[in-house]
Amino acid sequence: MADAPRITVDELIDRMEEGEEFTFVDVRNPVAWGESDIKLPGAIRVPLNEVEEHVAQIPKNKPIVTYCT
């Protein structure tokens, strides 16, 4: 996977407050995801080791933000 630009949480919040929309992809492994009480509504869940297999399912009409723990 190619290197992707990084964004801080504060930068993301600023951009969202300015009205920018994002596609969120939760790349946590199944164990970490299952143990977490925090799940971002609307996020697409694709474990990091499966991203390349599911890349066609990730909308590309807005910036994509991947996140994990």
PDB file of N, CA and C in Angstrom:
ATOM      1  N   MET A   1       0.850  -1.169   0.000  1.00  0.00           N
ATOM      2  CA  MET A   1       0.000   0.000   0.000  1.00  0.00           C
ATOM      3  C   MET A   1       0.898   1.236   0.000  1.00  0.00           C
ATOM      4  N   ALA A   2       0.593   2.204  -0.814  1.00  0.00           N
ATOM      5  CA  ALA A   2       1.389   3.417  -0.916  1.00  0.00           C
ATOM      6  C   ALA A   2       1.233   4.264   0.343  1.00  0.00           C
ATOM      7  N   ASP A   3       2.272   5.074   0.604  1.00  0.00           N
ATOM      8  CA  ASP A   3       2.172   6.000   1.727  1.00  0.00           C
ATOM      9  C   ASP A   3       1.051   6.990   1.466  1.00  0.00           C
ATOM     10  N   ALA A   4       0.304   7.288   2.488  1.00  0.00           N
ATOM     11  CA  ALA A   4      -0.817   8.221   2.362  1.00  0.00           C
ATOM     12  C   ALA A   4      -0.549   9.422   3.259  1.00  0.00           C
ATOM     13  N   PRO A   5      -1.076  10.578   2.895  1.00  0.00           N
ATOM     14  CA  PRO A   5      -0.907  11.740   3.767  1.00  0.00           C
ATOM     15  C   PRO A   5      -1.579  11.482   5.109  1.00  0.00           C
ATOM     16  N   ARG A   6      -1.019  12.050   6.138  1.00  0.00           N
ATOM     17  CA  ARG A   6      -1.586  11.901   7.483  1.00  0.00           C
ATOM     18  C   ARG A   6      -2.278  13.195   7.890  1.00  0.00           C
ATOM     19  N   ILE A   7      -3.275  13.055   8.738  1.00  0.00           N
ATOM     20  CA  ILE A   7      -4.027  14.197   9.244  1.00  0.00           C
ATOM     21  C   ILE A   7      -4.227  13.993  10.739  1.00  0.00           C
ATOM     22  N   THR A   8      -4.106  15.058  11.494  1.00  0.00           N
ATOM     23  CA  THR A   8      -4.335  14.951  12.933  1.00  0.00           C
ATOM     24  C   THR A   8      -5.832  15.016  13.207  1.00  0.00           C
ATOM     25  N   VAL A   9      -6.210  14.614  14.385  1.00  0.00           N
ATOM     26  CA  VAL A   9      -7.621  14.682  14.777  1.00  0.00           C
ATOM     27  C   VAL A   9      -8.088  16.133  14.739  1.00  0.00           C
ATOM     28  N   ASP A  10      -7.246  17.043  15.226  1.00  0.00           N
ATOM     29  CA  ASP A  10      -7.631  18.456  15.228  1.00  0.00           C
ATOM     30  C   ASP A  10      -7.824  18.984  13.805  1.00  0.00           C
ATOM     31  N   GLU A  11      -6.947  18.603  12.886  1.00  0.00           N
ATOM     32  CA  GLU A  11      -7.101  19.018  11.488  1.00  0.00           C
ATOM     33  C   GLU A  11      -8.392  18.459  10.902  1.00  0.00           C
ATOM     34  N   LEU A  12      -8.676  17.206  11.215  1.00  0.00           N
ATOM     35  CA  LEU A  12      -9.899  16.572  10.719  1.00  0.00           C
ATOM     36  C   LEU A  12     -11.129  17.302  11.247  1.00  0.00           C
ATOM     37  N   ILE A  13     -11.130  17.598  12.530  1.00  0.00           N
ATOM     38  CA  ILE A  13     -12.265  18.311  13.134  1.00  0.00           C
ATOM     39  C   ILE A  13     -12.439  19.673  12.473  1.00  0.00           C
ATOM     40  N   ASP A  14     -11.334  20.402  12.269  1.00  0.00           N
ATOM     41  CA  ASP A  14     -11.420  21.713  11.616  1.00  0.00           C
ATOM     42  C   ASP A  14     -12.045  21.597  10.233  1.00  0.00           C
ATOM     43  N   ARG A  15     -11.595  20.625   9.475  1.00  0.00           N
ATOM     44  CA  ARG A  15     -12.115  20.453   8.117  1.00  0.00           C
ATOM     45  C   ARG A  15     -13.587  20.055   8.131  1.00  0.00           C
ATOM     46  N   MET A  16     -13.966  19.212   9.087  1.00  0.00           N
ATOM     47  CA  MET A  16     -15.370  18.814   9.198  1.00  0.00           C
ATOM     48  C   MET A  16     -16.232  20.013   9.597  1.00  0.00           C
ATOM     49  N   GLU A  17     -15.726  20.850  10.494  1.00  0.00           N
ATOM     50  CA  GLU A  17     -16.465  22.044  10.902  1.00  0.00           C
ATOM     51  C   GLU A  17     -16.635  23.016   9.740  1.00  0.00           C
ATOM     52  N   GLU A  18     -15.726  22.967   8.770  1.00  0.00           N
ATOM     53  CA  GLU A  18     -15.824  23.807   7.578  1.00  0.00           C
ATOM     54  C   GLU A  18     -16.763  23.191   6.537  1.00  0.00           C
ATOM     55  N   GLY A  19     -17.318  22.015   6.839  1.00  0.00           N
ATOM     56  CA  GLY A  19     -18.298  21.393   5.967  1.00  0.00           C
ATOM     57  C   GLY A  19     -17.777  20.294   5.058  1.00  0.00           C
ATOM     58  N   GLU A  20     -16.486  19.983   5.169  1.00  0.00           N
ATOM     59  CA  GLU A  20     -15.945  18.924   4.315  1.00  0.00           C
ATOM     60  C   GLU A  20     -16.457  17.566   4.792  1.00  0.00           C
ATOM     61  N   GLU A  21     -16.779  16.702   3.850  1.00  0.00           N
ATOM     62  CA  GLU A  21     -17.261  15.360   4.176  1.00  0.00           C
ATOM     63  C   GLU A  21     -16.167  14.348   3.874  1.00  0.00           C
ATOM     64  N   PHE A  22     -16.170  13.261   4.625  1.00  0.00           N
ATOM     65  CA  PHE A  22     -15.158  12.229   4.497  1.00  0.00           C
ATOM     66  C   PHE A  22     -15.800  10.849   4.460  1.00  0.00           C
ATOM     67  N   THR A  23     -15.086   9.902   3.887  1.00  0.00           N
ATOM     68  CA  THR A  23     -15.429   8.491   4.013  1.00  0.00           C
ATOM     69  C   THR A  23     -14.497   7.940   5.079  1.00  0.00           C
ATOM     70  N   PHE A  24     -15.058   7.367   6.141  1.00  0.00           N
ATOM     71  CA  PHE A  24     -14.252   6.805   7.218  1.00  0.00           C
ATOM     72  C   PHE A  24     -14.177   5.293   7.059  1.00  0.00           C
ATOM     73  N   VAL A  25     -12.954   4.758   7.178  1.00  0.00           N
ATOM     74  CA  VAL A  25     -12.727   3.324   7.083  1.00  0.00           C
ATOM     75  C   VAL A  25     -12.029   2.876   8.372  1.00  0.00           C
ATOM     76  N   ASP A  26     -12.711   2.036   9.114  1.00  0.00           N
ATOM     77  CA  ASP A  26     -12.187   1.480  10.370  1.00  0.00           C
ATOM     78  C   ASP A  26     -11.358   0.247  10.016  1.00  0.00           C
ATOM     79  N   VAL A  27     -10.045   0.330  10.211  1.00  0.00           N
ATOM     80  CA  VAL A  27      -9.161  -0.763   9.812  1.00  0.00           C
ATOM     81  C   VAL A  27      -8.688  -1.611  10.998  1.00  0.00           C
ATOM     82  N   ARG A  28      -9.376  -1.496  12.113  1.00  0.00           N
ATOM     83  CA  ARG A  28      -8.990  -2.321  13.271  1.00  0.00           C
ATOM     84  C   ARG A  28      -9.208  -3.795  12.966  1.00  0.00           C
ATOM     85  N   ASN A  29      -8.375  -4.630  13.577  1.00  0.00           N
ATOM     86  CA  ASN A  29      -8.556  -6.070  13.384  1.00  0.00           C
ATOM     87  C   ASN A  29      -9.842  -6.491  14.096  1.00  0.00           C
ATOM     88  N   PRO A  30     -10.394  -7.642  13.735  1.00  0.00           N
ATOM     89  CA  PRO A  30     -11.684  -8.058  14.307  1.00  0.00           C
ATOM     90  C   PRO A  30     -11.706  -8.119  15.832  1.00  0.00           C
ATOM     91  N   VAL A  31     -10.610  -8.511  16.458  1.00  0.00           N
ATOM     92  CA  VAL A  31     -10.582  -8.589  17.924  1.00  0.00           C
ATOM     93  C   VAL A  31     -10.660  -7.189  18.522  1.00  0.00           C
ATOM     94  N   ALA A  32      -9.833  -6.270  18.037  1.00  0.00           N
ATOM     95  CA  ALA A  32      -9.840  -4.897  18.556  1.00  0.00           C
ATOM     96  C   ALA A  32     -11.197  -4.244  18.325  1.00  0.00           C
ATOM     97  N   TRP A  33     -11.779  -4.473  17.141  1.00  0.00           N
ATOM     98  CA  TRP A  33     -13.082  -3.890  16.833  1.00  0.00           C
ATOM     99  C   TRP A  33     -14.155  -4.444  17.772  1.00  0.00           C
ATOM    100  N   GLY A  34     -14.131  -5.755  17.982  1.00  0.00           N
ATOM    101  CA  GLY A  34     -15.127  -6.395  18.831  1.00  0.00           C
ATOM    102  C   GLY A  34     -15.026  -5.999  20.287  1.00  0.00           C
ATOM    103  N   GLU A  35     -13.824  -5.695  20.755  1.00  0.00           N
ATOM    104  CA  GLU A  35     -13.626  -5.324  22.154  1.00  0.00           C
ATOM    105  C   GLU A  35     -13.881  -3.849  22.422  1.00  0.00           C
ATOM    106  N   SER A  36     -14.009  -3.054  21.387  1.00  0.00           N
ATOM    107  CA  SER A  36     -14.171  -1.612  21.549  1.00  0.00           C
ATOM    108  C   SER A  36     -15.625  -1.234  21.782  1.00  0.00           C
ATOM    109  N   ASP A  37     -15.821  -0.276  22.682  1.00  0.00           N
ATOM    110  CA  ASP A  37     -17.150   0.285  22.907  1.00  0.00           C
ATOM    111  C   ASP A  37     -17.409   1.454  21.962  1.00  0.00           C
ATOM    112  N   ILE A  38     -16.365   1.879  21.247  1.00  0.00           N
ATOM    113  CA  ILE A  38     -16.477   3.048  20.378  1.00  0.00           C
ATOM    114  C   ILE A  38     -16.443   2.615  18.922  1.00  0.00           C
ATOM    115  N   LYS A  39     -17.517   2.915  18.221  1.00  0.00           N
ATOM    116  CA  LYS A  39     -17.605   2.605  16.803  1.00  0.00           C
ATOM    117  C   LYS A  39     -18.188   3.830  16.110  1.00  0.00           C
ATOM    118  N   LEU A  40     -17.502   4.317  15.101  1.00  0.00           N
ATOM    119  CA  LEU A  40     -17.926   5.522  14.394  1.00  0.00           C
ATOM    120  C   LEU A  40     -19.098   5.191  13.477  1.00  0.00           C
ATOM    121  N   PRO A  41     -20.269   5.792  13.728  1.00  0.00           N
ATOM    122  CA  PRO A  41     -21.434   5.515  12.875  1.00  0.00           C
ATOM    123  C   PRO A  41     -21.138   5.859  11.411  1.00  0.00           C
ATOM    124  N   GLY A  42     -21.503   4.972  10.534  1.00  0.00           N
ATOM    125  CA  GLY A  42     -21.308   5.206   9.113  1.00  0.00           C
ATOM    126  C   GLY A  42     -19.954   4.798   8.571  1.00  0.00           C
ATOM    127  N   ALA A  43     -19.047   4.411   9.458  1.00  0.00           N
ATOM    128  CA  ALA A  43     -17.725   3.991   8.991  1.00  0.00           C
ATOM    129  C   ALA A  43     -17.818   2.634   8.306  1.00  0.00           C
ATOM    130  N   ILE A  44     -16.984   2.458   7.318  1.00  0.00           N
ATOM    131  CA  ILE A  44     -16.872   1.180   6.633  1.00  0.00           C
ATOM    132  C   ILE A  44     -15.830   0.373   7.394  1.00  0.00           C
ATOM    133  N   ARG A  45     -16.163  -0.848   7.738  1.00  0.00           N
ATOM    134  CA  ARG A  45     -15.220  -1.666   8.503  1.00  0.00           C
ATOM    135  C   ARG A  45     -14.516  -2.645   7.580  1.00  0.00           C
ATOM    136  N   VAL A  46     -13.195  -2.448   7.444  1.00  0.00           N
ATOM    137  CA  VAL A  46     -12.368  -3.332   6.636  1.00  0.00           C
ATOM    138  C   VAL A  46     -11.042  -3.512   7.379  1.00  0.00           C
ATOM    139  N   PRO A  47     -10.748  -4.690   7.904  1.00  0.00           N
ATOM    140  CA  PRO A  47      -9.478  -4.891   8.586  1.00  0.00           C
ATOM    141  C   PRO A  47      -8.301  -4.514   7.670  1.00  0.00           C
ATOM    142  N   LEU A  48      -7.269  -3.937   8.267  1.00  0.00           N
ATOM    143  CA  LEU A  48      -6.128  -3.426   7.510  1.00  0.00           C
ATOM    144  C   LEU A  48      -5.552  -4.453   6.546  1.00  0.00           C
ATOM    145  N   ASN A  49      -5.471  -5.699   6.976  1.00  0.00           N
ATOM    146  CA  ASN A  49      -4.882  -6.719   6.107  1.00  0.00           C
ATOM    147  C   ASN A  49      -5.819  -7.138   4.968  1.00  0.00           C
ATOM    148  N   GLU A  50      -7.029  -6.553   4.903  1.00  0.00           N
ATOM    149  CA  GLU A  50      -7.981  -6.866   3.833  1.00  0.00           C
ATOM    150  C   GLU A  50      -8.331  -5.653   2.967  1.00  0.00           C
ATOM    151  N   VAL A  51      -7.681  -4.517   3.211  1.00  0.00           N
ATOM    152  CA  VAL A  51      -8.032  -3.287   2.482  1.00  0.00           C
ATOM    153  C   VAL A  51      -7.905  -3.476   0.977  1.00  0.00           C
ATOM    154  N   GLU A  52      -6.814  -4.053   0.526  1.00  0.00           N
ATOM    155  CA  GLU A  52      -6.612  -4.206  -0.916  1.00  0.00           C
ATOM    156  C   GLU A  52      -7.695  -5.068  -1.554  1.00  0.00           C
ATOM    157  N   GLU A  53      -8.210  -6.046  -0.822  1.00  0.00           N
ATOM    158  CA  GLU A  53      -9.271  -6.910  -1.331  1.00  0.00           C
ATOM    159  C   GLU A  53     -10.613  -6.175  -1.438  1.00  0.00           C
ATOM    160  N   HIS A  54     -10.785  -5.121  -0.647  1.00  0.00           N
ATOM    161  CA  HIS A  54     -12.067  -4.418  -0.579  1.00  0.00           C
ATOM    162  C   HIS A  54     -12.005  -2.993  -1.124  1.00  0.00           C
ATOM    163  N   VAL A  55     -10.904  -2.617  -1.721  1.00  0.00           N
ATOM    164  CA  VAL A  55     -10.734  -1.237  -2.164  1.00  0.00           C
ATOM    165  C   VAL A  55     -11.844  -0.794  -3.121  1.00  0.00           C
ATOM    166  N   ALA A  56     -12.359  -1.678  -3.918  1.00  0.00           N
ATOM    167  CA  ALA A  56     -13.430  -1.321  -4.861  1.00  0.00           C
ATOM    168  C   ALA A  56     -14.728  -0.946  -4.142  1.00  0.00           C
ATOM    169  N   GLN A  57     -14.893  -1.389  -2.898  1.00  0.00           N
ATOM    170  CA  GLN A  57     -16.111  -1.115  -2.136  1.00  0.00           C
ATOM    171  C   GLN A  57     -16.049   0.215  -1.382  1.00  0.00           C
ATOM    172  N   ILE A  58     -14.887   0.865  -1.400  1.00  0.00           N
ATOM    173  CA  ILE A  58     -14.708   2.111  -0.654  1.00  0.00           C
ATOM    174  C   ILE A  58     -15.000   3.284  -1.586  1.00  0.00           C
ATOM    175  N   PRO A  59     -16.028   4.081  -1.273  1.00  0.00           N
ATOM    176  CA  PRO A  59     -16.360   5.218  -2.135  1.00  0.00           C
ATOM    177  C   PRO A  59     -15.172   6.172  -2.270  1.00  0.00           C
ATOM    178  N   LYS A  60     -15.021   6.716  -3.457  1.00  0.00           N
ATOM    179  CA  LYS A  60     -13.885   7.596  -3.708  1.00  0.00           C
ATOM    180  C   LYS A  60     -14.332   9.008  -4.067  1.00  0.00           C
ATOM    181  N   ASN A  61     -15.576   9.349  -3.758  1.00  0.00           N
ATOM    182  CA  ASN A  61     -16.097  10.667  -4.106  1.00  0.00           C
ATOM    183  C   ASN A  61     -15.792  11.731  -3.057  1.00  0.00           C
ATOM    184  N   LYS A  62     -15.106  11.344  -1.987  1.00  0.00           N
ATOM    185  CA  LYS A  62     -14.656  12.290  -0.965  1.00  0.00           C
ATOM    186  C   LYS A  62     -13.404  11.723  -0.314  1.00  0.00           C
ATOM    187  N   PRO A  63     -12.644  12.574   0.402  1.00  0.00           N
ATOM    188  CA  PRO A  63     -11.423  12.076   1.029  1.00  0.00           C
ATOM    189  C   PRO A  63     -11.702  10.885   1.948  1.00  0.00           C
ATOM    190  N   ILE A  64     -10.770   9.950   1.957  1.00  0.00           N
ATOM    191  CA  ILE A  64     -10.898   8.741   2.785  1.00  0.00           C
ATOM    192  C   ILE A  64      -9.997   8.872   3.992  1.00  0.00           C
ATOM    193  N   VAL A  65     -10.570   8.620   5.168  1.00  0.00           N
ATOM    194  CA  VAL A  65      -9.818   8.643   6.420  1.00  0.00           C
ATOM    195  C   VAL A  65      -9.872   7.233   6.994  1.00  0.00           C
ATOM    196  N   THR A  66      -8.702   6.616   7.148  1.00  0.00           N
ATOM    197  CA  THR A  66      -8.633   5.322   7.823  1.00  0.00           C
ATOM    198  C   THR A  66      -8.236   5.557   9.269  1.00  0.00           C
ATOM    199  N   TYR A  67      -8.728   4.715  10.139  1.00  0.00           N
ATOM    200  CA  TYR A  67      -8.353   4.867  11.551  1.00  0.00           C
ATOM    201  C   TYR A  67      -8.322   3.508  12.230  1.00  0.00           C
ATOM    202  N   CYS A  68      -7.538   3.452  13.305  1.00  0.00           N
ATOM    203  CA  CYS A  68      -7.429   2.248  14.122  1.00  0.00           C
ATOM    204  C   CYS A  68      -7.115   2.683  15.549  1.00  0.00           C
ATOM    205  N   THR A  69      -6.863   1.710  16.403  1.00  0.00           N
ATOM    206  CA  THR A  69      -6.519   2.063  17.787  1.00  0.00           C
ATOM    207  C   THR A  69      -5.040   1.995  18.001  1.00  0.00           C
TER     208      THR A  69
END
